[in-house]
């Protein structure tokens, strides 16, 4: 694996607040999945800059992002496997590639692919697992999840049970997997991102870059006095680092980045405590921020000195103010 790198030294004072899509904010439930898949070139938005998470996704749209995510070479040869897939259609090469790889087949009655039909959860999961060459039967002994609405002999049972077992999908309050549910763009992206996460198919460098981007923005927002958005940004960084730690727990860059994330989280806490007049909490949180930044710097000084120096500066400044207030008896 290539060496993981952080650009904290050169990137500290650059703004990183630009969103991938105008209709997906940092508080959107699919923010991390859409941002990651956009960074990897797996998904695109519409010309107006939106993603439109609630819009239905059809079979060819789903197939395209699955093949790209699975890093499958796309064939330019057209054999006309399906009567309803013309050679000049933008999606022809994706359908042909998927058919050649055994990921899709025609409709059982007509033999057509029906490209414009909405894709349902069962179909999508089958395409995803086949594209990633995951055979649910290999996990049969541990697939002890039994969705209430999935008959044991249904063709889609192995795919739904696998997805439920590994938390790629969630069962509803009644224990149903809802295999026939037509998916939205946001739901499809969520399933794809979770599949990559569970299968350790995510790109660690992209995740690290995303964490760095939000940590830098957190520091910028703290200095601007925007504590709410600072908290939101460090929250995204924290979620990203949880995934990275699961992938690469012994990686030095990941370890130092985790300490930086915890340090900045404490720094945010110190600022919030200051706003609320909780002086002792300011001192405790700022001390933790300084200590964690120092530990990160010692772990990986080449990559972290820019951000750790800034954290220490801010932690020291707010702690000094707290001490002045406490010493003055206010």
C-alpha atoms as a PDB file:
ATOM      1  CA  UNK A   1       0.000   0.000   0.000  1.00  0.00           C
ATOM      2  CA  UNK A   2       1.204   3.500  -0.772  1.00  0.00           C
ATOM      3  CA  UNK A   3       2.264   5.629   2.164  1.00  0.00           C
ATOM      4  CA  UNK A   4      -0.575   7.627   3.661  1.00  0.00           C
ATOM      5  CA  UNK A   5       0.085  11.330   3.690  1.00  0.00           C
ATOM      6  CA  UNK A   6      -1.500  14.320   5.380  1.00  0.00           C
ATOM      7  CA  UNK A   7      -1.117  17.824   4.061  1.00  0.00           C
ATOM      8  CA  UNK A   8      -1.686  19.681   7.330  1.00  0.00           C
ATOM      9  CA  UNK A   9       1.551  21.631   7.030  1.00  0.00           C
ATOM     10  CA  UNK A  10       0.699  23.239   3.691  1.00  0.00           C
ATOM     11  CA  UNK A  11      -3.065  23.224   3.930  1.00  0.00           C
ATOM     12  CA  UNK A  12      -3.775  24.619   7.371  1.00  0.00           C
ATOM     13  CA  UNK A  13      -4.975  28.073   6.414  1.00  0.00           C
ATOM     14  CA  UNK A  14      -6.900  27.103   3.293  1.00  0.00           C
ATOM     15  CA  UNK A  15     -10.693  27.082   3.432  1.00  0.00           C
ATOM     16  CA  UNK A  16     -12.234  23.697   2.710  1.00  0.00           C
ATOM     17  CA  UNK A  17     -15.923  24.448   3.141  1.00  0.00           C
ATOM     18  CA  UNK A  18     -17.014  23.834  -0.466  1.00  0.00           C
ATOM     19  CA  UNK A  19     -19.670  21.103  -0.610  1.00  0.00           C
ATOM     20  CA  UNK A  20     -19.806  18.492  -3.346  1.00  0.00           C
ATOM     21  CA  UNK A  21     -23.510  19.183  -3.934  1.00  0.00           C
ATOM     22  CA  UNK A  22     -25.611  22.228  -3.170  1.00  0.00           C
ATOM     23  CA  UNK A  23     -28.488  20.158  -1.767  1.00  0.00           C
ATOM     24  CA  UNK A  24     -26.370  18.015   0.580  1.00  0.00           C
ATOM     25  CA  UNK A  25     -25.122  19.809   3.659  1.00  0.00           C
ATOM     26  CA  UNK A  26     -22.781  18.592   6.365  1.00  0.00           C
ATOM     27  CA  UNK A  27     -25.834  17.591   8.429  1.00  0.00           C
ATOM     28  CA  UNK A  28     -27.346  15.429   5.664  1.00  0.00           C
ATOM     29  CA  UNK A  29     -27.407  11.703   6.541  1.00  0.00           C
ATOM     30  CA  UNK A  30     -25.717  10.825   3.244  1.00  0.00           C
ATOM     31  CA  UNK A  31     -23.081  13.571   3.437  1.00  0.00           C
ATOM     32  CA  UNK A  32     -20.102  11.284   4.079  1.00  0.00           C
ATOM     33  CA  UNK A  33     -21.134   8.613   1.555  1.00  0.00           C
ATOM     34  CA  UNK A  34     -21.858  11.075  -1.255  1.00  0.00           C
ATOM     35  CA  UNK A  35     -18.726  13.106  -0.528  1.00  0.00           C
ATOM     36  CA  UNK A  36     -16.495  10.032  -0.549  1.00  0.00           C
ATOM     37  CA  UNK A  37     -18.012   8.549  -3.709  1.00  0.00           C
ATOM     38  CA  UNK A  38     -17.737  11.920  -5.431  1.00  0.00           C
ATOM     39  CA  UNK A  39     -14.066  12.219  -4.472  1.00  0.00           C
ATOM     40  CA  UNK A  40     -13.515   8.780  -6.021  1.00  0.00           C
ATOM     41  CA  UNK A  41     -15.344   9.723  -9.221  1.00  0.00           C
ATOM     42  CA  UNK A  42     -18.013   7.081  -8.679  1.00  0.00           C
ATOM     43  CA  UNK A  43     -21.033   9.401  -8.641  1.00  0.00           C
ATOM     44  CA  UNK A  44     -21.868  12.712 -10.259  1.00  0.00           C
ATOM     45  CA  UNK A  45     -24.510  15.317  -9.636  1.00  0.00           C
ATOM     46  CA  UNK A  46     -26.758  17.190 -12.020  1.00  0.00           C
ATOM     47  CA  UNK A  47     -25.730  20.235 -14.073  1.00  0.00           C
ATOM     48  CA  UNK A  48     -27.355  22.539 -11.522  1.00  0.00           C
ATOM     49  CA  UNK A  49     -24.959  21.276  -8.827  1.00  0.00           C
ATOM     50  CA  UNK A  50     -27.477  19.126  -6.963  1.00  0.00           C
ATOM     51  CA  UNK A  51     -27.387  15.415  -6.185  1.00  0.00           C
ATOM     52  CA  UNK A  52     -31.114  14.885  -5.543  1.00  0.00           C
ATOM     53  CA  UNK A  53     -30.878  12.057  -3.025  1.00  0.00           C
ATOM     54  CA  UNK A  54     -34.641  11.443  -3.035  1.00  0.00           C
ATOM     55  CA  UNK A  55     -34.849  10.938  -6.790  1.00  0.00           C
ATOM     56  CA  UNK A  56     -35.449   7.322  -7.934  1.00  0.00           C
ATOM     57  CA  UNK A  57     -32.503   5.465  -9.455  1.00  0.00           C
ATOM     58  CA  UNK A  58     -32.990   3.177 -12.437  1.00  0.00           C
ATOM     59  CA  UNK A  59     -31.221  -0.029 -13.393  1.00  0.00           C
ATOM     60  CA  UNK A  60     -28.574   1.445 -15.678  1.00  0.00           C
ATOM     61  CA  UNK A  61     -27.759   4.318 -13.320  1.00  0.00           C
ATOM     62  CA  UNK A  62     -27.323   1.786 -10.530  1.00  0.00           C
ATOM     63  CA  UNK A  63     -25.247  -0.511 -12.701  1.00  0.00           C
ATOM     64  CA  UNK A  64     -22.868   2.251 -13.729  1.00  0.00           C
ATOM     65  CA  UNK A  65     -21.928   3.307 -10.194  1.00  0.00           C
ATOM     66  CA  UNK A  66     -21.623  -0.312  -9.064  1.00  0.00           C
ATOM     67  CA  UNK A  67     -19.175  -1.186 -11.854  1.00  0.00           C
ATOM     68  CA  UNK A  68     -17.087   1.928 -11.234  1.00  0.00           C
ATOM     69  CA  UNK A  69     -17.025   1.309  -7.481  1.00  0.00           C
ATOM     70  CA  UNK A  70     -15.966  -2.307  -8.057  1.00  0.00           C
ATOM     71  CA  UNK A  71     -13.223  -1.063 -10.404  1.00  0.00           C
ATOM     72  CA  UNK A  72     -14.355  -3.272 -13.265  1.00  0.00           C
ATOM     73  CA  UNK A  73     -12.774  -2.589 -16.691  1.00  0.00           C
ATOM     74  CA  UNK A  74     -15.557  -1.355 -18.961  1.00  0.00           C
ATOM     75  CA  UNK A  75     -15.770  -3.163 -22.295  1.00  0.00           C
ATOM     76  CA  UNK A  76     -16.198  -1.102 -25.445  1.00  0.00           C
ATOM     77  CA  UNK A  77     -17.262  -4.139 -27.482  1.00  0.00           C
ATOM     78  CA  UNK A  78     -20.955  -4.311 -28.226  1.00  0.00           C
ATOM     79  CA  UNK A  79     -22.566  -7.674 -28.942  1.00  0.00           C
ATOM     80  CA  UNK A  80     -26.186  -6.619 -28.594  1.00  0.00           C
ATOM     81  CA  UNK A  81     -27.056  -8.960 -25.765  1.00  0.00           C
ATOM     82  CA  UNK A  82     -30.362  -7.213 -25.056  1.00  0.00           C
ATOM     83  CA  UNK A  83     -32.870  -6.040 -27.645  1.00  0.00           C
ATOM     84  CA  UNK A  84     -33.761  -2.958 -25.600  1.00  0.00           C
ATOM     85  CA  UNK A  85     -30.151  -1.755 -25.236  1.00  0.00           C
ATOM     86  CA  UNK A  86     -29.181   0.072 -28.446  1.00  0.00           C
ATOM     87  CA  UNK A  87     -25.528   0.287 -29.419  1.00  0.00           C
ATOM     88  CA  UNK A  88     -25.504   4.089 -29.314  1.00  0.00           C
ATOM     89  CA  UNK A  89     -26.978   4.359 -25.809  1.00  0.00           C
ATOM     90  CA  UNK A  90     -24.660   5.911 -23.207  1.00  0.00           C
ATOM     91  CA  UNK A  91     -25.236   2.934 -20.951  1.00  0.00           C
ATOM     92  CA  UNK A  92     -24.670   0.187 -23.539  1.00  0.00           C
ATOM     93  CA  UNK A  93     -21.067  -0.452 -22.513  1.00  0.00           C
ATOM     94  CA  UNK A  94     -22.017  -0.796 -18.845  1.00  0.00           C
ATOM     95  CA  UNK A  95     -24.808  -3.250 -19.563  1.00  0.00           C
ATOM     96  CA  UNK A  96     -22.608  -5.307 -21.902  1.00  0.00           C
ATOM     97  CA  UNK A  97     -19.783  -5.374 -19.356  1.00  0.00           C
ATOM     98  CA  UNK A  98     -22.102  -6.472 -16.573  1.00  0.00           C
ATOM     99  CA  UNK A  99     -23.683  -9.163 -18.750  1.00  0.00           C
ATOM    100  CA  UNK A 100     -20.266 -10.517 -19.727  1.00  0.00           C
ATOM    101  CA  UNK A 101     -19.273 -10.704 -16.064  1.00  0.00           C
ATOM    102  CA  UNK A 102     -22.496 -12.461 -15.073  1.00  0.00           C
ATOM    103  CA  UNK A 103     -23.633  -9.547 -12.935  1.00  0.00           C
ATOM    104  CA  UNK A 104     -26.923  -9.056 -14.799  1.00  0.00           C
ATOM    105  CA  UNK A 105     -29.193 -11.107 -17.022  1.00  0.00           C
ATOM    106  CA  UNK A 106     -32.313 -10.339 -18.973  1.00  0.00           C
ATOM    107  CA  UNK A 107     -35.883 -10.306 -17.805  1.00  0.00           C
ATOM    108  CA  UNK A 108     -37.090 -13.854 -17.263  1.00  0.00           C
ATOM    109  CA  UNK A 109     -40.035 -13.469 -19.643  1.00  0.00           C
ATOM    110  CA  UNK A 110     -38.807 -11.156 -22.398  1.00  0.00           C
ATOM    111  CA  UNK A 111     -35.037 -11.422 -22.153  1.00  0.00           C
ATOM    112  CA  UNK A 112     -34.839  -7.616 -22.180  1.00  0.00           C
ATOM    113  CA  UNK A 113     -32.731  -5.625 -19.728  1.00  0.00           C
ATOM    114  CA  UNK A 114     -35.369  -2.929 -19.127  1.00  0.00           C
ATOM    115  CA  UNK A 115     -32.793  -0.185 -18.465  1.00  0.00           C
ATOM    116  CA  UNK A 116     -35.193   2.590 -17.448  1.00  0.00           C
ATOM    117  CA  UNK A 117     -37.028   0.586 -14.796  1.00  0.00           C
ATOM    118  CA  UNK A 118     -36.393   1.575 -11.212  1.00  0.00           C
ATOM    119  CA  UNK A 119     -34.080  -0.766  -9.358  1.00  0.00           C
ATOM    120  CA  UNK A 120     -35.322  -2.382  -6.187  1.00  0.00           C
ATOM    121  CA  UNK A 121     -33.300  -3.303  -3.128  1.00  0.00           C
ATOM    122  CA  UNK A 122     -33.006  -7.001  -3.930  1.00  0.00           C
ATOM    123  CA  UNK A 123     -31.805  -6.365  -7.489  1.00  0.00           C
ATOM    124  CA  UNK A 124     -29.343  -3.723  -6.369  1.00  0.00           C
ATOM    125  CA  UNK A 125     -27.838  -5.916  -3.670  1.00  0.00           C
ATOM    126  CA  UNK A 126     -27.466  -8.821  -6.083  1.00  0.00           C
ATOM    127  CA  UNK A 127     -25.621  -6.600  -8.584  1.00  0.00           C
ATOM    128  CA  UNK A 128     -23.415  -5.135  -5.851  1.00  0.00           C
ATOM    129  CA  UNK A 129     -22.377  -8.475  -4.372  1.00  0.00           C
ATOM    130  CA  UNK A 130     -21.780 -10.043  -7.776  1.00  0.00           C
ATOM    131  CA  UNK A 131     -19.721  -7.064  -8.928  1.00  0.00           C
ATOM    132  CA  UNK A 132     -17.566  -7.318  -5.804  1.00  0.00           C
ATOM    133  CA  UNK A 133     -17.362 -11.083  -6.274  1.00  0.00           C
ATOM    134  CA  UNK A 134     -18.971 -11.817  -2.931  1.00  0.00           C
ATOM    135  CA  UNK A 135     -20.809 -15.136  -2.788  1.00  0.00           C
ATOM    136  CA  UNK A 136     -23.281 -15.171   0.130  1.00  0.00           C
ATOM    137  CA  UNK A 137     -23.245 -18.966   0.082  1.00  0.00           C
ATOM    138  CA  UNK A 138     -19.660 -18.846   1.362  1.00  0.00           C
ATOM    139  CA  UNK A 139     -21.049 -17.266   4.538  1.00  0.00           C
ATOM    140  CA  UNK A 140     -24.091 -19.535   4.889  1.00  0.00           C
ATOM    141  CA  UNK A 141     -23.076 -20.864   8.310  1.00  0.00           C
ATOM    142  CA  UNK A 142     -23.079 -17.412   9.896  1.00  0.00           C
ATOM    143  CA  UNK A 143     -26.023 -15.855   8.049  1.00  0.00           C
ATOM    144  CA  UNK A 144     -28.350 -16.265  11.022  1.00  0.00           C
ATOM    145  CA  UNK A 145     -30.418 -13.177  10.211  1.00  0.00           C
ATOM    146  CA  UNK A 146     -33.932 -14.029   9.028  1.00  0.00           C
ATOM    147  CA  UNK A 147     -35.799 -10.979   7.666  1.00  0.00           C
ATOM    148  CA  UNK A 148     -39.519 -11.477   8.227  1.00  0.00           C
ATOM    149  CA  UNK A 149     -40.440 -10.694   4.619  1.00  0.00           C
ATOM    150  CA  UNK A 150     -37.744 -12.795   2.911  1.00  0.00           C
ATOM    151  CA  UNK A 151     -38.827 -16.393   2.161  1.00  0.00           C
ATOM    152  CA  UNK A 152     -35.995 -18.860   2.619  1.00  0.00           C
ATOM    153  CA  UNK A 153     -36.372 -20.156  -0.936  1.00  0.00           C
ATOM    154  CA  UNK A 154     -36.560 -16.742  -2.632  1.00  0.00           C
ATOM    155  CA  UNK A 155     -33.819 -16.047  -5.198  1.00  0.00           C
ATOM    156  CA  UNK A 156     -32.884 -12.892  -3.328  1.00  0.00           C
ATOM    157  CA  UNK A 157     -32.757 -14.467   0.160  1.00  0.00           C
ATOM    158  CA  UNK A 158     -28.946 -14.956   0.287  1.00  0.00           C
ATOM    159  CA  UNK A 159     -28.286 -11.365  -0.783  1.00  0.00           C
ATOM    160  CA  UNK A 160     -30.695  -9.829   1.722  1.00  0.00           C
ATOM    161  CA  UNK A 161     -29.505 -12.055   4.563  1.00  0.00           C
ATOM    162  CA  UNK A 162     -25.867 -11.228   3.834  1.00  0.00           C
ATOM    163  CA  UNK A 163     -26.587  -7.497   3.679  1.00  0.00           C
ATOM    164  CA  UNK A 164     -28.572  -7.584   6.924  1.00  0.00           C
ATOM    165  CA  UNK A 165     -25.959  -9.678   8.729  1.00  0.00           C
ATOM    166  CA  UNK A 166     -23.134  -7.303   7.851  1.00  0.00           C
ATOM    167  CA  UNK A 167     -25.187  -4.133   8.460  1.00  0.00           C
ATOM    168  CA  UNK A 168     -25.149  -3.066   4.824  1.00  0.00           C
ATOM    169  CA  UNK A 169     -28.889  -2.635   5.190  1.00  0.00           C
ATOM    170  CA  UNK A 170     -31.042  -2.188   8.275  1.00  0.00           C
ATOM    171  CA  UNK A 171     -34.203  -4.144   8.993  1.00  0.00           C
ATOM    172  CA  UNK A 172     -37.224  -2.033   9.842  1.00  0.00           C
ATOM    173  CA  UNK A 173     -39.060  -2.057  13.166  1.00  0.00           C
ATOM    174  CA  UNK A 174     -40.981  -5.176  12.111  1.00  0.00           C
ATOM    175  CA  UNK A 175     -37.875  -7.081  11.057  1.00  0.00           C
ATOM    176  CA  UNK A 176     -38.540  -6.578   7.350  1.00  0.00           C
ATOM    177  CA  UNK A 177     -35.819  -6.075   4.735  1.00  0.00           C
ATOM    178  CA  UNK A 178     -38.254  -4.740   2.104  1.00  0.00           C
ATOM    179  CA  UNK A 179     -36.606  -6.421  -0.910  1.00  0.00           C
ATOM    180  CA  UNK A 180     -39.117  -4.999  -3.410  1.00  0.00           C
ATOM    181  CA  UNK A 181     -38.633  -1.403  -2.310  1.00  0.00           C
ATOM    182  CA  UNK A 182     -37.535   0.839  -5.172  1.00  0.00           C
ATOM    183  CA  UNK A 183     -34.381   2.697  -4.197  1.00  0.00           C
ATOM    184  CA  UNK A 184     -33.608   6.374  -4.303  1.00  0.00           C
ATOM    185  CA  UNK A 185     -30.218   7.727  -5.330  1.00  0.00           C
ATOM    186  CA  UNK A 186     -29.350   8.384  -1.709  1.00  0.00           C
ATOM    187  CA  UNK A 187     -30.318   4.876  -0.594  1.00  0.00           C
ATOM    188  CA  UNK A 188     -28.282   3.289  -3.377  1.00  0.00           C
ATOM    189  CA  UNK A 189     -25.236   5.362  -2.480  1.00  0.00           C
ATOM    190  CA  UNK A 190     -25.627   4.432   1.199  1.00  0.00           C
ATOM    191  CA  UNK A 191     -25.691   0.704   0.390  1.00  0.00           C
ATOM    192  CA  UNK A 192     -22.690   1.019  -1.897  1.00  0.00           C
ATOM    193  CA  UNK A 193     -20.674   2.995   0.656  1.00  0.00           C
ATOM    194  CA  UNK A 194     -21.491   0.507   3.432  1.00  0.00           C
ATOM    195  CA  UNK A 195     -20.493  -2.391   1.171  1.00  0.00           C
ATOM    196  CA  UNK A 196     -17.144  -0.747   0.530  1.00  0.00           C
ATOM    197  CA  UNK A 197     -16.723  -0.056   4.232  1.00  0.00           C
ATOM    198  CA  UNK A 198     -17.564  -3.578   5.394  1.00  0.00           C
ATOM    199  CA  UNK A 199     -15.464  -5.123   2.651  1.00  0.00           C
ATOM    200  CA  UNK A 200     -12.515  -2.831   3.357  1.00  0.00           C
ATOM    201  CA  UNK A 201     -12.781  -1.526  -0.168  1.00  0.00           C
ATOM    202  CA  UNK A 202     -12.520   2.162   0.682  1.00  0.00           C
ATOM    203  CA  UNK A 203      -9.475   4.209  -0.298  1.00  0.00           C
ATOM    204  CA  UNK A 204      -7.651   5.134   2.948  1.00  0.00           C
ATOM    205  CA  UNK A 205      -5.973   8.164   1.397  1.00  0.00           C
ATOM    206  CA  UNK A 206      -9.301   9.638   0.292  1.00  0.00           C
ATOM    207  CA  UNK A 207     -10.708   9.084   3.776  1.00  0.00           C
ATOM    208  CA  UNK A 208      -7.648  10.695   5.316  1.00  0.00           C
ATOM    209  CA  UNK A 209      -7.984  13.675   2.988  1.00  0.00           C
ATOM    210  CA  UNK A 210     -11.636  14.069   3.966  1.00  0.00           C
ATOM    211  CA  UNK A 211     -10.789  13.952   7.657  1.00  0.00           C
ATOM    212  CA  UNK A 212      -8.047  16.521   7.161  1.00  0.00           C
ATOM    213  CA  UNK A 213     -10.360  18.810   5.205  1.00  0.00           C
ATOM    214  CA  UNK A 214     -12.902  18.866   8.029  1.00  0.00           C
ATOM    215  CA  UNK A 215     -10.293  19.274  10.757  1.00  0.00           C
ATOM    216  CA  UNK A 216      -8.806  22.265   8.953  1.00  0.00           C
ATOM    217  CA  UNK A 217     -12.273  23.728   8.567  1.00  0.00           C
ATOM    218  CA  UNK A 218     -12.942  23.146  12.265  1.00  0.00           C
ATOM    219  CA  UNK A 219      -9.908  25.201  13.234  1.00  0.00           C
ATOM    220  CA  UNK A 220     -10.890  27.959  10.791  1.00  0.00           C
ATOM    221  CA  UNK A 221     -14.417  28.036  12.206  1.00  0.00           C
ATOM    222  CA  UNK A 222     -13.178  28.155  15.801  1.00  0.00           C
ATOM    223  CA  UNK A 223     -11.108  31.204  14.993  1.00  0.00           C
ATOM    224  CA  UNK A 224     -14.146  32.765  13.315  1.00  0.00           C
ATOM    225  CA  UNK A 225     -16.271  32.063  16.396  1.00  0.00           C
ATOM    226  CA  UNK A 226     -18.650  29.674  14.592  1.00  0.00           C
ATOM    227  CA  UNK A 227     -18.826  26.990  17.263  1.00  0.00           C
ATOM    228  CA  UNK A 228     -21.864  25.196  15.844  1.00  0.00           C
ATOM    229  CA  UNK A 229     -20.293  24.473  12.469  1.00  0.00           C
ATOM    230  CA  UNK A 230     -16.950  23.771  14.093  1.00  0.00           C
ATOM    231  CA  UNK A 231     -18.648  21.003  16.064  1.00  0.00           C
ATOM    232  CA  UNK A 232     -20.320  19.613  12.948  1.00  0.00           C
ATOM    233  CA  UNK A 233     -17.042  19.500  11.044  1.00  0.00           C
ATOM    234  CA  UNK A 234     -15.079  17.780  13.778  1.00  0.00           C
ATOM    235  CA  UNK A 235     -17.962  15.289  14.033  1.00  0.00           C
ATOM    236  CA  UNK A 236     -17.518  14.322  10.379  1.00  0.00           C
ATOM    237  CA  UNK A 237     -13.760  13.982  10.881  1.00  0.00           C
ATOM    238  CA  UNK A 238     -14.391  11.752  13.884  1.00  0.00           C
ATOM    239  CA  UNK A 239     -16.720   9.454  11.906  1.00  0.00           C
ATOM    240  CA  UNK A 240     -14.139   9.215   9.138  1.00  0.00           C
ATOM    241  CA  UNK A 241     -11.369   8.350  11.572  1.00  0.00           C
ATOM    242  CA  UNK A 242     -13.474   5.586  13.130  1.00  0.00           C
ATOM    243  CA  UNK A 243     -13.621   3.941   9.704  1.00  0.00           C
ATOM    244  CA  UNK A 244      -9.892   4.466   9.130  1.00  0.00           C
ATOM    245  CA  UNK A 245      -8.968   3.042  12.528  1.00  0.00           C
ATOM    246  CA  UNK A 246     -10.973  -0.055  11.733  1.00  0.00           C
ATOM    247  CA  UNK A 247      -9.027  -0.432   8.466  1.00  0.00           C
ATOM    248  CA  UNK A 248      -5.529   0.471   9.618  1.00  0.00           C
ATOM    249  CA  UNK A 249      -5.297   0.439  13.408  1.00  0.00           C
ATOM    250  CA  UNK A 250      -1.497   0.140  13.415  1.00  0.00           C
ATOM    251  CA  UNK A 251      -0.763   2.784  10.783  1.00  0.00           C
ATOM    252  CA  UNK A 252       1.316   5.653  12.194  1.00  0.00           C
ATOM    253  CA  UNK A 253      -0.414   8.349  10.147  1.00  0.00           C
ATOM    254  CA  UNK A 254      -3.846   7.066  11.158  1.00  0.00           C
ATOM    255  CA  UNK A 255      -2.816   6.962  14.809  1.00  0.00           C
ATOM    256  CA  UNK A 256      -1.507  10.530  14.762  1.00  0.00           C
ATOM    257  CA  UNK A 257      -4.564  11.719  12.823  1.00  0.00           C
ATOM    258  CA  UNK A 258      -6.818  10.133  15.435  1.00  0.00           C
ATOM    259  CA  UNK A 259      -5.011  12.024  18.182  1.00  0.00           C
ATOM    260  CA  UNK A 260      -5.346  15.254  16.209  1.00  0.00           C
ATOM    261  CA  UNK A 261      -9.064  14.606  15.786  1.00  0.00           C
ATOM    262  CA  UNK A 262      -9.496  13.982  19.514  1.00  0.00           C
ATOM    263  CA  UNK A 263      -7.379  17.051  20.224  1.00  0.00           C
ATOM    264  CA  UNK A 264      -9.513  19.318  18.054  1.00  0.00           C
ATOM    265  CA  UNK A 265     -12.673  17.797  19.513  1.00  0.00           C
ATOM    266  CA  UNK A 266     -11.403  18.816  22.959  1.00  0.00           C
ATOM    267  CA  UNK A 267     -10.521  22.245  21.613  1.00  0.00           C
ATOM    268  CA  UNK A 268     -14.092  22.692  20.401  1.00  0.00           C
ATOM    269  CA  UNK A 269     -15.262  21.587  23.834  1.00  0.00           C
ATOM    270  CA  UNK A 270     -13.035  24.191  25.441  1.00  0.00           C
ATOM    271  CA  UNK A 271     -14.502  26.957  23.296  1.00  0.00           C
ATOM    272  CA  UNK A 272     -18.061  25.817  24.001  1.00  0.00           C
ATOM    273  CA  UNK A 273     -17.334  25.669  27.741  1.00  0.00           C
ATOM    274  CA  UNK A 274     -15.917  29.178  27.514  1.00  0.00           C
ATOM    275  CA  UNK A 275     -19.118  30.427  25.915  1.00  0.00           C
ATOM    276  CA  UNK A 276     -21.048  28.879  28.786  1.00  0.00           C
ATOM    277  CA  UNK A 277     -18.760  30.309  31.462  1.00  0.00           C
ATOM    278  CA  UNK A 278     -17.564  26.877  32.628  1.00  0.00           C
ATOM    279  CA  UNK A 279     -14.012  27.844  33.483  1.00  0.00           C
ATOM    280  CA  UNK A 280     -12.834  24.561  34.991  1.00  0.00           C
ATOM    281  CA  UNK A 281     -14.137  22.703  31.945  1.00  0.00           C
ATOM    282  CA  UNK A 282     -12.239  25.104  29.682  1.00  0.00           C
ATOM    283  CA  UNK A 283      -9.004  24.354  31.508  1.00  0.00           C
ATOM    284  CA  UNK A 284      -9.554  20.603  31.406  1.00  0.00           C
ATOM    285  CA  UNK A 285     -10.529  20.481  27.716  1.00  0.00           C
ATOM    286  CA  UNK A 286      -7.789  22.861  26.570  1.00  0.00           C
ATOM    287  CA  UNK A 287      -5.238  20.848  28.526  1.00  0.00           C
ATOM    288  CA  UNK A 288      -6.409  17.663  26.853  1.00  0.00           C
ATOM    289  CA  UNK A 289      -6.262  19.364  23.454  1.00  0.00           C
ATOM    290  CA  UNK A 290      -2.662  20.503  24.035  1.00  0.00           C
ATOM    291  CA  UNK A 291      -1.582  17.091  25.342  1.00  0.00           C
ATOM    292  CA  UNK A 292      -3.132  15.128  22.460  1.00  0.00           C
ATOM    293  CA  UNK A 293      -1.649  17.519  19.909  1.00  0.00           C
ATOM    294  CA  UNK A 294       1.766  17.013  21.489  1.00  0.00           C
ATOM    295  CA  UNK A 295       1.346  13.227  21.380  1.00  0.00           C
ATOM    296  CA  UNK A 296       0.350  13.398  17.712  1.00  0.00           C
ATOM    297  CA  UNK A 297       3.376  15.555  16.936  1.00  0.00           C
ATOM    298  CA  UNK A 298       5.729  13.100  18.618  1.00  0.00           C
ATOM    299  CA  UNK A 299       4.156  10.184  16.767  1.00  0.00           C
ATOM    300  CA  UNK A 300       4.441  11.742  13.325  1.00  0.00           C
ATOM    301  CA  UNK A 301       6.222  15.118  13.408  1.00  0.00           C
ATOM    302  CA  UNK A 302       6.897  15.303   9.677  1.00  0.00           C
ATOM    303  CA  UNK A 303       3.219  15.385   8.789  1.00  0.00           C
ATOM    304  CA  UNK A 304       1.571  17.032  11.796  1.00  0.00           C
ATOM    305  CA  UNK A 305       3.624  19.963  13.071  1.00  0.00           C
ATOM    306  CA  UNK A 306       1.567  22.591  11.236  1.00  0.00           C
ATOM    307  CA  UNK A 307      -1.784  21.614  12.688  1.00  0.00           C
ATOM    308  CA  UNK A 308      -0.457  20.589  16.099  1.00  0.00           C
ATOM    309  CA  UNK A 309       1.307  23.922  16.484  1.00  0.00           C
ATOM    310  CA  UNK A 310      -1.926  25.749  15.730  1.00  0.00           C
ATOM    311  CA  UNK A 311      -3.896  23.588  18.168  1.00  0.00           C
ATOM    312  CA  UNK A 312      -1.361  24.247  20.922  1.00  0.00           C
ATOM    313  CA  UNK A 313      -1.514  27.964  20.220  1.00  0.00           C
ATOM    314  CA  UNK A 314      -5.312  28.079  20.458  1.00  0.00           C
ATOM    315  CA  UNK A 315      -5.399  25.766  23.481  1.00  0.00           C
ATOM    316  CA  UNK A 316      -2.850  27.896  25.299  1.00  0.00           C
ATOM    317  CA  UNK A 317      -4.693  31.111  24.452  1.00  0.00           C
ATOM    318  CA  UNK A 318      -8.093  29.999  25.714  1.00  0.00           C
ATOM    319  CA  UNK A 319      -6.543  28.408  28.815  1.00  0.00           C
ATOM    320  CA  UNK A 320      -4.749  31.667  29.649  1.00  0.00           C
ATOM    321  CA  UNK A 321      -8.006  33.589  29.353  1.00  0.00           C
ATOM    322  CA  UNK A 322      -9.720  31.068  31.612  1.00  0.00           C
ATOM    323  CA  UNK A 323      -6.963  31.356  34.200  1.00  0.00           C
ATOM    324  CA  UNK A 324      -7.223  35.152  34.141  1.00  0.00           C
ATOM    325  CA  UNK A 325     -10.960  34.972  34.771  1.00  0.00           C
ATOM    326  CA  UNK A 326     -10.536  32.373  37.512  1.00  0.00           C
ATOM    327  CA  UNK A 327      -7.722  34.345  39.143  1.00  0.00           C
ATOM    328  CA  UNK A 328      -9.820  37.473  39.086  1.00  0.00           C
ATOM    329  CA  UNK A 329     -12.643  35.732  40.892  1.00  0.00           C
ATOM    330  CA  UNK A 330     -15.147  36.291  38.081  1.00  0.00           C
END
